[in-house]
Protein backbone atom coordinates (compact mmCIF):
# COMPACT_ATOMS: atom_id res chain seq x y z
CA MET A 1 -139.94 -21.38 -5.64
CA ASN A 2 -140.21 -22.47 -9.27
CA LEU A 3 -138.50 -20.86 -12.26
CA ASN A 4 -141.54 -18.79 -13.30
CA GLU A 5 -141.80 -17.28 -9.82
CA ILE A 6 -138.12 -16.35 -9.94
CA TYR A 7 -138.55 -14.61 -13.31
CA THR A 8 -141.67 -12.83 -12.09
CA THR A 9 -139.90 -11.59 -8.98
CA ALA A 10 -136.93 -10.39 -11.03
CA LEU A 11 -139.16 -8.60 -13.55
CA ASN A 12 -141.16 -6.95 -10.77
CA ASN A 13 -137.89 -5.71 -9.25
CA VAL A 14 -136.79 -4.30 -12.61
CA LEU A 15 -140.12 -2.53 -13.05
CA ASP A 16 -139.87 -1.04 -9.56
CA GLU A 17 -136.34 0.21 -10.23
CA MET A 18 -137.43 1.72 -13.56
CA ARG A 19 -140.20 3.59 -11.80
CA LYS A 20 -137.73 4.89 -9.20
CA ILE A 21 -135.37 6.16 -11.91
CA CYS A 22 -138.17 7.58 -14.07
CA PRO A 23 -140.88 8.89 -11.73
CA ASP A 24 -142.99 9.92 -14.73
CA ILE A 25 -143.77 6.25 -15.34
CA GLN A 26 -147.00 5.64 -13.48
CA HIS A 27 -147.90 2.12 -14.58
CA ALA A 28 -145.70 -0.64 -15.93
CA PHE A 29 -146.17 -4.32 -16.67
CA VAL A 30 -144.77 -7.14 -18.78
CA TYR A 31 -146.80 -9.68 -20.70
CA ASN A 32 -145.94 -12.56 -22.99
CA GLN A 33 -146.95 -13.32 -26.56
CA SER A 34 -150.05 -15.21 -25.48
CA GLY A 35 -151.32 -12.20 -23.52
CA GLU A 36 -150.53 -13.52 -20.04
CA ILE A 37 -149.42 -10.78 -17.66
CA ILE A 38 -146.11 -11.89 -16.17
CA ALA A 39 -145.22 -8.95 -13.94
CA GLY A 40 -146.68 -5.58 -13.09
CA SER A 41 -146.42 -2.70 -10.68
CA ALA A 42 -148.41 -3.26 -7.51
CA ASP A 43 -150.48 -0.09 -7.87
CA THR A 44 -151.69 -0.93 -11.38
CA PRO A 45 -155.05 -2.72 -11.21
CA GLN A 46 -155.22 -6.09 -12.97
CA LYS A 47 -158.29 -4.88 -14.88
CA VAL A 48 -156.33 -1.97 -16.38
CA MET A 49 -153.45 -4.23 -17.43
CA ALA A 50 -155.88 -6.65 -19.10
CA ARG A 51 -157.50 -3.81 -21.08
CA VAL A 52 -154.13 -2.56 -22.27
CA VAL A 53 -153.07 -6.06 -23.34
CA ASP A 54 -156.32 -6.40 -25.31
CA ALA A 55 -155.72 -3.02 -26.98
CA PHE A 56 -152.15 -3.98 -27.91
CA ASP A 57 -153.37 -7.29 -29.32
CA ASP A 58 -155.85 -5.43 -31.54
CA ILE A 59 -153.07 -3.13 -32.76
CA PHE A 60 -150.78 -6.09 -33.51
CA GLU A 61 -153.54 -7.90 -35.41
CA ARG A 62 -154.18 -4.83 -37.57
CA ALA A 63 -150.47 -4.34 -38.17
CA GLU A 64 -150.14 -7.90 -39.46
CA ALA A 65 -152.94 -7.34 -41.95
């Protein structure tokens, strides 16, 4: 297991624990500055996470302007 896999596993565990503590959280994921999705809850479709990342990137671009 390489270092990235260890971080991904740890982040997935944190997201799962957050969702257990706060059941109102339905979808959670973590992505890096380049837009790569690092970890995410198993029941959140990859397509949904990608759309959210794109939306956040648009917001960040507008905020910088």
